[in-house]
């Protein structure tokens, strides 16, 4: 949990940043960065070192993304998911829900490793499988986080602490 919090702090994730990060436009355009990154790295065969310009553009987009879109409340599926992710980073997710989240994170990391393999070897199958794993794990995580956000909000409205067992 400390590593997740440290990563969020490194990226300067204030409450305002989380509200901007939760904007559905921000969420969906971050997903678009996955194939864009893969394309520029794959194209190193044709572009040579110029592919690094594309990598820099994708990284710059990911950094700029959270600053471009306005803050939103938890009214959409994507926004509730990001608000739930913030609860996870803040350590407010009950222990019984952490196991599936850890499995989904591990699945995403496996997908990332397959993407790296596919891009290094210029092999389409690990790249495709890795991309599918990353995207599906991330979508499932967003869904779980959204459900947790609603669940913890309901428990708080019922007068229970979000940290107590059901």
N, C-alpha and C. Protein backbone atom coordinates (compact mmCIF):
# COMPACT_ATOMS: atom_id res chain seq x y z
N UNK A 1 0.83 -1.19 0.00
CA UNK A 1 0.00 0.00 0.00
C UNK A 1 0.87 1.25 0.00
N UNK A 2 2.01 1.19 0.71
CA UNK A 2 2.89 2.35 0.77
C UNK A 2 3.45 2.69 -0.61
N UNK A 3 3.71 1.66 -1.43
CA UNK A 3 4.24 1.91 -2.77
C UNK A 3 3.21 2.63 -3.64
N UNK A 4 1.95 2.23 -3.50
CA UNK A 4 0.88 2.86 -4.29
C UNK A 4 0.73 4.32 -3.89
N UNK A 5 0.75 4.57 -2.59
CA UNK A 5 0.63 5.95 -2.09
C UNK A 5 1.83 6.78 -2.54
N UNK A 6 3.03 6.18 -2.49
CA UNK A 6 4.24 6.88 -2.91
C UNK A 6 4.17 7.24 -4.40
N UNK A 7 3.66 6.32 -5.21
CA UNK A 7 3.52 6.59 -6.65
C UNK A 7 2.53 7.73 -6.89
N UNK A 8 1.43 7.73 -6.16
CA UNK A 8 0.44 8.80 -6.31
C UNK A 8 1.04 10.14 -5.88
N UNK A 9 1.79 10.12 -4.78
CA UNK A 9 2.43 11.35 -4.31
C UNK A 9 3.47 11.85 -5.31
N UNK A 10 4.22 10.92 -5.91
CA UNK A 10 5.22 11.28 -6.91
C UNK A 10 4.58 11.99 -8.10
N UNK A 11 3.37 11.57 -8.45
CA UNK A 11 2.65 12.19 -9.56
C UNK A 11 1.87 13.43 -9.13
N UNK A 12 2.01 13.84 -7.87
CA UNK A 12 1.34 15.05 -7.40
C UNK A 12 -0.17 14.94 -7.36
N UNK A 13 -0.68 13.79 -6.93
CA UNK A 13 -2.12 13.55 -6.95
C UNK A 13 -2.80 14.17 -5.72
N UNK A 14 -3.16 15.44 -5.84
CA UNK A 14 -3.93 16.13 -4.81
C UNK A 14 -5.41 15.78 -5.02
N UNK A 15 -6.26 16.24 -4.11
CA UNK A 15 -7.70 16.01 -4.28
C UNK A 15 -8.19 16.61 -5.60
N UNK A 16 -7.68 17.79 -5.95
CA UNK A 16 -8.06 18.42 -7.22
C UNK A 16 -7.59 17.57 -8.40
N UNK A 17 -6.38 17.03 -8.32
CA UNK A 17 -5.87 16.17 -9.39
C UNK A 17 -6.73 14.93 -9.56
N UNK A 18 -7.15 14.33 -8.44
CA UNK A 18 -8.01 13.14 -8.52
C UNK A 18 -9.33 13.47 -9.20
N UNK A 19 -9.90 14.66 -8.89
CA UNK A 19 -11.17 15.05 -9.51
C UNK A 19 -11.00 15.25 -11.02
N UNK A 20 -9.86 15.77 -11.42
CA UNK A 20 -9.58 15.92 -12.86
C UNK A 20 -9.31 14.56 -13.50
N UNK A 21 -8.57 13.73 -12.78
CA UNK A 21 -8.22 12.37 -13.23
C UNK A 21 -9.49 11.55 -13.45
N UNK A 22 -10.55 11.86 -12.71
CA UNK A 22 -11.81 11.12 -12.78
C UNK A 22 -12.69 11.54 -13.95
N UNK A 23 -12.35 12.62 -14.62
CA UNK A 23 -13.15 13.06 -15.76
C UNK A 23 -13.16 11.94 -16.81
N UNK A 24 -14.35 11.52 -17.26
CA UNK A 24 -14.41 10.43 -18.25
C UNK A 24 -13.57 10.68 -19.50
N UNK A 25 -13.49 11.93 -19.95
CA UNK A 25 -12.64 12.22 -21.10
C UNK A 25 -11.18 11.91 -20.79
N UNK A 26 -10.77 12.22 -19.58
CA UNK A 26 -9.40 11.91 -19.16
C UNK A 26 -9.17 10.40 -19.11
N UNK A 27 -10.14 9.68 -18.55
CA UNK A 27 -10.02 8.22 -18.43
C UNK A 27 -9.89 7.58 -19.81
N UNK A 28 -10.82 7.89 -20.70
CA UNK A 28 -10.83 7.21 -22.00
C UNK A 28 -9.67 7.61 -22.88
N UNK A 29 -9.21 8.86 -22.80
CA UNK A 29 -8.06 9.24 -23.62
C UNK A 29 -6.76 8.68 -23.07
N UNK A 30 -6.71 8.35 -21.79
CA UNK A 30 -5.53 7.62 -21.27
C UNK A 30 -5.48 6.22 -21.85
N UNK A 31 -6.64 5.59 -22.01
CA UNK A 31 -6.67 4.27 -22.66
C UNK A 31 -6.11 4.36 -24.08
N UNK A 32 -6.39 5.44 -24.77
CA UNK A 32 -5.91 5.61 -26.15
C UNK A 32 -4.38 5.69 -26.21
N UNK A 33 -3.75 6.02 -25.10
CA UNK A 33 -2.29 6.11 -25.08
C UNK A 33 -1.63 4.74 -25.20
N UNK A 34 -2.34 3.67 -24.84
CA UNK A 34 -1.74 2.33 -24.90
C UNK A 34 -1.37 1.96 -26.33
N UNK A 35 -2.33 1.94 -27.27
CA UNK A 35 -1.93 1.59 -28.64
C UNK A 35 -1.02 2.64 -29.28
N UNK A 36 -1.16 3.91 -28.89
CA UNK A 36 -0.28 4.94 -29.44
C UNK A 36 1.17 4.67 -29.05
N UNK A 37 1.39 4.34 -27.78
CA UNK A 37 2.74 4.01 -27.31
C UNK A 37 3.27 2.78 -28.04
N UNK A 38 2.43 1.76 -28.14
CA UNK A 38 2.86 0.53 -28.82
C UNK A 38 3.22 0.81 -30.28
N UNK A 39 2.44 1.62 -30.94
CA UNK A 39 2.69 1.93 -32.34
C UNK A 39 4.03 2.65 -32.53
N UNK A 40 4.31 3.64 -31.68
CA UNK A 40 5.57 4.38 -31.87
C UNK A 40 6.78 3.51 -31.54
N UNK A 41 6.66 2.63 -30.54
CA UNK A 41 7.79 1.75 -30.24
C UNK A 41 7.95 0.70 -31.34
N UNK A 42 6.85 0.14 -31.81
CA UNK A 42 6.90 -0.84 -32.90
C UNK A 42 7.53 -0.22 -34.15
N UNK A 43 7.22 1.03 -34.41
CA UNK A 43 7.69 1.68 -35.64
C UNK A 43 9.16 2.08 -35.59
N UNK A 44 9.86 1.70 -34.55
CA UNK A 44 11.29 2.01 -34.49
C UNK A 44 12.04 1.39 -35.67
N UNK A 45 11.48 0.33 -36.22
CA UNK A 45 12.08 -0.32 -37.39
C UNK A 45 12.15 0.64 -38.58
N UNK A 46 11.15 1.49 -38.70
CA UNK A 46 11.06 2.41 -39.84
C UNK A 46 11.55 3.81 -39.48
N UNK A 47 11.30 4.21 -38.24
CA UNK A 47 11.63 5.58 -37.84
C UNK A 47 13.01 5.72 -37.22
N UNK A 48 13.58 4.61 -36.79
CA UNK A 48 14.86 4.68 -36.09
C UNK A 48 14.69 5.44 -34.78
N UNK A 49 15.69 6.25 -34.46
CA UNK A 49 15.67 7.00 -33.21
C UNK A 49 14.55 8.03 -33.15
N UNK A 50 13.98 8.37 -34.29
CA UNK A 50 12.87 9.32 -34.30
C UNK A 50 11.64 8.78 -33.57
N UNK A 51 11.59 7.48 -33.37
CA UNK A 51 10.46 6.92 -32.62
C UNK A 51 10.42 7.48 -31.21
N UNK A 52 11.58 7.92 -30.70
CA UNK A 52 11.60 8.50 -29.35
C UNK A 52 10.78 9.78 -29.28
N UNK A 53 10.65 10.49 -30.39
CA UNK A 53 9.79 11.68 -30.41
C UNK A 53 8.35 11.28 -30.14
N UNK A 54 7.93 10.15 -30.71
CA UNK A 54 6.59 9.65 -30.45
C UNK A 54 6.41 9.21 -29.01
N UNK A 55 7.44 8.56 -28.45
CA UNK A 55 7.38 8.14 -27.05
C UNK A 55 7.26 9.37 -26.15
N UNK A 56 8.05 10.40 -26.43
CA UNK A 56 7.98 11.64 -25.65
C UNK A 56 6.59 12.26 -25.78
N UNK A 57 6.02 12.23 -26.97
CA UNK A 57 4.68 12.80 -27.18
C UNK A 57 3.63 12.04 -26.35
N UNK A 58 3.72 10.71 -26.31
CA UNK A 58 2.76 9.92 -25.53
C UNK A 58 2.93 10.21 -24.04
N UNK A 59 4.18 10.24 -23.57
CA UNK A 59 4.44 10.52 -22.15
C UNK A 59 3.96 11.93 -21.80
N UNK A 60 4.23 12.89 -22.68
CA UNK A 60 3.75 14.26 -22.44
C UNK A 60 2.23 14.30 -22.39
N UNK A 61 1.57 13.55 -23.27
CA UNK A 61 0.11 13.50 -23.26
C UNK A 61 -0.40 12.95 -21.93
N UNK A 62 0.22 11.88 -21.44
CA UNK A 62 -0.23 11.28 -20.18
C UNK A 62 -0.04 12.26 -19.02
N UNK A 63 1.03 13.03 -19.04
CA UNK A 63 1.24 14.02 -17.99
C UNK A 63 0.24 15.17 -18.13
N UNK A 64 0.05 15.64 -19.36
CA UNK A 64 -0.84 16.77 -19.61
C UNK A 64 -2.31 16.41 -19.42
N UNK A 65 -2.63 15.17 -19.66
CA UNK A 65 -4.01 14.69 -19.64
C UNK A 65 -4.76 15.11 -18.38
N UNK A 66 -4.15 14.91 -17.23
CA UNK A 66 -4.84 15.19 -15.97
C UNK A 66 -5.04 16.69 -15.76
N UNK A 67 -4.31 17.52 -16.51
CA UNK A 67 -4.44 18.97 -16.37
C UNK A 67 -5.41 19.58 -17.37
N UNK A 68 -5.72 18.85 -18.43
CA UNK A 68 -6.57 19.40 -19.50
C UNK A 68 -8.06 19.35 -19.19
N UNK A 69 -8.48 18.32 -18.53
CA UNK A 69 -9.91 18.10 -18.34
C UNK A 69 -10.34 18.61 -16.96
N UNK A 70 -11.52 19.17 -16.92
CA UNK A 70 -12.02 19.75 -15.69
C UNK A 70 -12.38 18.70 -14.65
N UNK A 71 -12.42 19.12 -13.39
CA UNK A 71 -12.79 18.20 -12.31
C UNK A 71 -14.26 17.81 -12.40
N UNK A 72 -14.55 16.59 -12.00
CA UNK A 72 -15.94 16.09 -12.01
C UNK A 72 -16.24 15.39 -10.70
N UNK A 73 -17.52 15.28 -10.42
CA UNK A 73 -17.99 14.49 -9.29
C UNK A 73 -18.18 13.04 -9.72
N UNK A 74 -18.52 12.18 -8.77
CA UNK A 74 -18.67 10.75 -9.07
C UNK A 74 -20.02 10.41 -9.70
N UNK A 75 -20.27 10.97 -10.89
CA UNK A 75 -21.57 10.75 -11.53
C UNK A 75 -21.53 9.73 -12.66
N UNK A 76 -20.37 9.43 -13.20
CA UNK A 76 -20.26 8.46 -14.30
C UNK A 76 -19.55 7.20 -13.81
N UNK A 77 -19.67 6.14 -14.59
CA UNK A 77 -19.00 4.88 -14.27
C UNK A 77 -17.50 5.10 -14.10
N UNK A 78 -16.88 5.78 -15.07
CA UNK A 78 -15.44 6.01 -15.02
C UNK A 78 -15.05 6.86 -13.81
N UNK A 79 -15.82 7.90 -13.54
CA UNK A 79 -15.49 8.78 -12.42
C UNK A 79 -15.60 8.05 -11.08
N UNK A 80 -16.66 7.25 -10.91
CA UNK A 80 -16.79 6.49 -9.66
C UNK A 80 -15.62 5.52 -9.50
N UNK A 81 -15.17 4.95 -10.61
CA UNK A 81 -14.02 4.05 -10.55
C UNK A 81 -12.76 4.75 -10.10
N UNK A 82 -12.53 5.95 -10.60
CA UNK A 82 -11.33 6.69 -10.21
C UNK A 82 -11.44 7.16 -8.76
N UNK A 83 -12.64 7.57 -8.34
CA UNK A 83 -12.82 7.93 -6.93
C UNK A 83 -12.58 6.72 -6.03
N UNK A 84 -12.98 5.54 -6.48
CA UNK A 84 -12.70 4.31 -5.73
C UNK A 84 -11.21 4.01 -5.69
N UNK A 85 -10.53 4.29 -6.79
CA UNK A 85 -9.07 4.10 -6.82
C UNK A 85 -8.40 5.01 -5.80
N UNK A 86 -8.90 6.23 -5.67
CA UNK A 86 -8.36 7.15 -4.67
C UNK A 86 -8.53 6.58 -3.26
N UNK A 87 -9.68 5.97 -3.00
CA UNK A 87 -9.90 5.33 -1.69
C UNK A 87 -8.88 4.21 -1.47
N UNK A 88 -8.58 3.44 -2.52
CA UNK A 88 -7.60 2.36 -2.41
C UNK A 88 -6.22 2.94 -2.09
N UNK A 89 -5.83 3.99 -2.80
CA UNK A 89 -4.53 4.63 -2.57
C UNK A 89 -4.46 5.17 -1.14
N UNK A 90 -5.57 5.70 -0.65
CA UNK A 90 -5.61 6.25 0.71
C UNK A 90 -5.73 5.17 1.78
N UNK A 91 -5.79 3.89 1.37
CA UNK A 91 -5.86 2.79 2.34
C UNK A 91 -7.22 2.59 2.96
N UNK A 92 -8.28 3.02 2.30
CA UNK A 92 -9.62 2.94 2.88
C UNK A 92 -10.46 1.78 2.36
N UNK A 93 -9.86 0.88 1.59
CA UNK A 93 -10.59 -0.27 1.06
C UNK A 93 -10.52 -1.39 2.08
N UNK A 94 -11.66 -1.97 2.47
CA UNK A 94 -11.64 -3.07 3.44
C UNK A 94 -10.80 -4.25 2.95
N UNK A 95 -10.20 -4.95 3.89
CA UNK A 95 -9.27 -6.04 3.58
C UNK A 95 -9.90 -7.10 2.69
N UNK A 96 -11.19 -7.39 2.89
CA UNK A 96 -11.82 -8.46 2.11
C UNK A 96 -11.92 -8.12 0.62
N UNK A 97 -11.73 -6.87 0.26
CA UNK A 97 -11.80 -6.46 -1.15
C UNK A 97 -10.42 -6.32 -1.79
N UNK A 98 -9.37 -6.36 -0.98
CA UNK A 98 -8.03 -6.12 -1.52
C UNK A 98 -7.52 -7.28 -2.36
N UNK A 99 -7.93 -8.51 -2.06
CA UNK A 99 -7.40 -9.67 -2.78
C UNK A 99 -7.70 -9.58 -4.27
N UNK A 100 -8.94 -9.33 -4.63
CA UNK A 100 -9.28 -9.26 -6.07
C UNK A 100 -8.57 -8.09 -6.72
N UNK A 101 -8.45 -6.97 -6.01
CA UNK A 101 -7.74 -5.82 -6.58
C UNK A 101 -6.27 -6.17 -6.82
N UNK A 102 -5.66 -6.89 -5.89
CA UNK A 102 -4.26 -7.30 -6.07
C UNK A 102 -4.12 -8.26 -7.25
N UNK A 103 -5.09 -9.16 -7.43
CA UNK A 103 -5.06 -10.06 -8.59
C UNK A 103 -5.19 -9.29 -9.89
N UNK A 104 -6.04 -8.29 -9.91
CA UNK A 104 -6.21 -7.49 -11.12
C UNK A 104 -4.96 -6.67 -11.42
N UNK A 105 -4.33 -6.16 -10.38
CA UNK A 105 -3.07 -5.44 -10.57
C UNK A 105 -2.00 -6.39 -11.11
N UNK A 106 -1.93 -7.60 -10.55
CA UNK A 106 -0.96 -8.60 -11.03
C UNK A 106 -1.24 -8.98 -12.48
N UNK A 107 -2.50 -9.10 -12.85
CA UNK A 107 -2.86 -9.41 -14.24
C UNK A 107 -2.40 -8.29 -15.17
N UNK A 108 -2.61 -7.06 -14.75
CA UNK A 108 -2.14 -5.92 -15.54
C UNK A 108 -0.63 -5.91 -15.69
N UNK A 109 0.08 -6.26 -14.61
CA UNK A 109 1.55 -6.32 -14.68
C UNK A 109 2.02 -7.43 -15.61
N UNK A 110 1.33 -8.57 -15.58
CA UNK A 110 1.64 -9.65 -16.52
C UNK A 110 1.43 -9.17 -17.95
N UNK A 111 0.32 -8.47 -18.18
CA UNK A 111 0.06 -7.91 -19.50
C UNK A 111 1.14 -6.93 -19.93
N UNK A 112 1.58 -6.11 -18.99
CA UNK A 112 2.65 -5.16 -19.30
C UNK A 112 3.94 -5.89 -19.69
N UNK A 113 4.26 -6.98 -18.98
CA UNK A 113 5.45 -7.77 -19.32
C UNK A 113 5.32 -8.36 -20.73
N UNK A 114 4.12 -8.84 -21.07
CA UNK A 114 3.91 -9.38 -22.42
C UNK A 114 4.03 -8.29 -23.48
N UNK A 115 3.53 -7.10 -23.18
CA UNK A 115 3.67 -5.98 -24.10
C UNK A 115 5.16 -5.69 -24.32
N UNK A 116 5.92 -5.63 -23.23
CA UNK A 116 7.36 -5.37 -23.35
C UNK A 116 8.03 -6.43 -24.22
N UNK A 117 7.70 -7.69 -23.97
CA UNK A 117 8.26 -8.79 -24.77
C UNK A 117 7.90 -8.61 -26.25
N UNK A 118 6.63 -8.35 -26.51
CA UNK A 118 6.19 -8.18 -27.89
C UNK A 118 6.86 -7.02 -28.59
N UNK A 119 7.07 -5.91 -27.85
CA UNK A 119 7.70 -4.75 -28.46
C UNK A 119 9.20 -4.96 -28.66
N UNK A 120 9.84 -5.62 -27.72
CA UNK A 120 11.28 -5.89 -27.86
C UNK A 120 11.54 -6.85 -29.01
N UNK A 121 10.74 -7.93 -29.06
CA UNK A 121 10.94 -8.97 -30.08
C UNK A 121 10.21 -8.66 -31.39
N UNK A 122 9.42 -7.59 -31.41
CA UNK A 122 8.54 -7.29 -32.55
C UNK A 122 7.70 -8.51 -32.90
N UNK A 123 7.08 -9.07 -31.86
CA UNK A 123 6.23 -10.25 -32.00
C UNK A 123 4.80 -9.84 -31.66
N UNK A 124 3.90 -9.97 -32.61
CA UNK A 124 2.54 -9.45 -32.47
C UNK A 124 1.72 -10.20 -31.42
N UNK A 125 1.95 -11.51 -31.24
CA UNK A 125 1.09 -12.27 -30.34
C UNK A 125 1.26 -11.90 -28.87
N UNK A 126 2.48 -11.82 -28.34
CA UNK A 126 2.57 -11.36 -26.94
C UNK A 126 2.12 -9.91 -26.79
N UNK A 127 2.35 -9.10 -27.82
CA UNK A 127 1.90 -7.71 -27.77
C UNK A 127 0.38 -7.63 -27.69
N UNK A 128 -0.29 -8.40 -28.53
CA UNK A 128 -1.75 -8.40 -28.55
C UNK A 128 -2.33 -8.97 -27.26
N UNK A 129 -1.79 -10.09 -26.81
CA UNK A 129 -2.26 -10.70 -25.56
C UNK A 129 -2.01 -9.76 -24.38
N UNK A 130 -0.82 -9.17 -24.34
CA UNK A 130 -0.50 -8.24 -23.26
C UNK A 130 -1.42 -7.04 -23.24
N UNK A 131 -1.70 -6.49 -24.42
CA UNK A 131 -2.60 -5.35 -24.51
C UNK A 131 -3.99 -5.72 -24.01
N UNK A 132 -4.47 -6.89 -24.44
CA UNK A 132 -5.79 -7.34 -23.98
C UNK A 132 -5.81 -7.50 -22.47
N UNK A 133 -4.76 -8.10 -21.90
CA UNK A 133 -4.71 -8.28 -20.44
C UNK A 133 -4.69 -6.94 -19.71
N UNK A 134 -3.88 -6.01 -20.18
CA UNK A 134 -3.79 -4.70 -19.53
C UNK A 134 -5.13 -3.98 -19.59
N UNK A 135 -5.74 -3.94 -20.76
CA UNK A 135 -7.00 -3.21 -20.92
C UNK A 135 -8.12 -3.87 -20.13
N UNK A 136 -8.25 -5.19 -20.24
CA UNK A 136 -9.32 -5.88 -19.50
C UNK A 136 -9.13 -5.77 -17.99
N UNK A 137 -7.89 -5.94 -17.52
CA UNK A 137 -7.64 -5.81 -16.08
C UNK A 137 -7.94 -4.39 -15.61
N UNK A 138 -7.57 -3.40 -16.40
CA UNK A 138 -7.82 -2.01 -16.01
C UNK A 138 -9.32 -1.71 -16.01
N UNK A 139 -10.04 -2.17 -17.01
CA UNK A 139 -11.49 -1.95 -17.03
C UNK A 139 -12.17 -2.64 -15.85
N UNK A 140 -11.74 -3.86 -15.54
CA UNK A 140 -12.32 -4.58 -14.42
C UNK A 140 -11.98 -3.88 -13.11
N UNK A 141 -10.73 -3.38 -13.00
CA UNK A 141 -10.36 -2.64 -11.79
C UNK A 141 -11.21 -1.39 -11.64
N UNK A 142 -11.41 -0.65 -12.72
CA UNK A 142 -12.24 0.55 -12.64
C UNK A 142 -13.64 0.17 -12.19
N UNK A 143 -14.17 -0.92 -12.72
CA UNK A 143 -15.50 -1.37 -12.32
C UNK A 143 -15.53 -1.72 -10.83
N UNK A 144 -14.55 -2.48 -10.37
CA UNK A 144 -14.48 -2.85 -8.94
C UNK A 144 -14.34 -1.61 -8.07
N UNK A 145 -13.48 -0.70 -8.49
CA UNK A 145 -13.30 0.53 -7.71
C UNK A 145 -14.60 1.32 -7.64
N UNK A 146 -15.34 1.37 -8.73
CA UNK A 146 -16.62 2.07 -8.73
C UNK A 146 -17.61 1.43 -7.77
N UNK A 147 -17.67 0.10 -7.78
CA UNK A 147 -18.54 -0.61 -6.84
C UNK A 147 -18.11 -0.37 -5.40
N UNK A 148 -16.81 -0.37 -5.16
CA UNK A 148 -16.31 -0.11 -3.81
C UNK A 148 -16.61 1.32 -3.38
N UNK A 149 -16.50 2.26 -4.30
CA UNK A 149 -16.82 3.64 -3.97
C UNK A 149 -18.27 3.75 -3.52
N UNK A 150 -19.17 3.11 -4.27
CA UNK A 150 -20.59 3.13 -3.89
C UNK A 150 -20.81 2.40 -2.57
N UNK A 151 -20.20 1.24 -2.41
CA UNK A 151 -20.35 0.43 -1.20
C UNK A 151 -19.88 1.21 0.03
N UNK A 152 -18.70 1.81 -0.06
CA UNK A 152 -18.17 2.55 1.08
C UNK A 152 -18.99 3.80 1.35
N UNK A 153 -19.50 4.44 0.29
CA UNK A 153 -20.37 5.59 0.47
C UNK A 153 -21.67 5.21 1.16
N UNK A 154 -22.25 4.07 0.77
CA UNK A 154 -23.48 3.59 1.41
C UNK A 154 -23.24 3.28 2.87
N UNK A 155 -22.11 2.66 3.19
CA UNK A 155 -21.80 2.31 4.59
C UNK A 155 -21.60 3.57 5.42
N UNK A 156 -20.96 4.58 4.83
CA UNK A 156 -20.75 5.83 5.55
C UNK A 156 -22.09 6.52 5.82
N UNK A 157 -22.99 6.50 4.82
CA UNK A 157 -24.31 7.11 5.01
C UNK A 157 -25.12 6.36 6.06
N UNK A 158 -24.86 5.04 6.21
CA UNK A 158 -25.56 4.23 7.21
C UNK A 158 -24.95 4.38 8.60
N UNK A 159 -23.92 5.22 8.73
CA UNK A 159 -23.31 5.46 10.03
C UNK A 159 -22.20 4.51 10.39
N UNK A 160 -21.78 3.64 9.47
CA UNK A 160 -20.69 2.72 9.74
C UNK A 160 -19.39 3.33 9.25
N UNK A 161 -18.30 2.97 9.90
CA UNK A 161 -16.99 3.36 9.43
C UNK A 161 -16.65 2.51 8.22
N UNK A 162 -16.07 3.08 7.16
CA UNK A 162 -15.71 2.27 6.00
C UNK A 162 -14.67 1.20 6.33
N UNK A 163 -13.96 1.35 7.45
CA UNK A 163 -12.90 0.41 7.80
C UNK A 163 -13.39 -0.78 8.62
N UNK A 164 -14.66 -0.76 9.05
CA UNK A 164 -15.15 -1.88 9.85
C UNK A 164 -15.70 -2.97 8.96
N UNK A 165 -15.60 -4.19 9.42
CA UNK A 165 -16.08 -5.34 8.63
C UNK A 165 -17.59 -5.33 8.56
N UNK A 166 -18.11 -5.83 7.46
CA UNK A 166 -19.57 -5.89 7.28
C UNK A 166 -20.19 -6.96 8.12
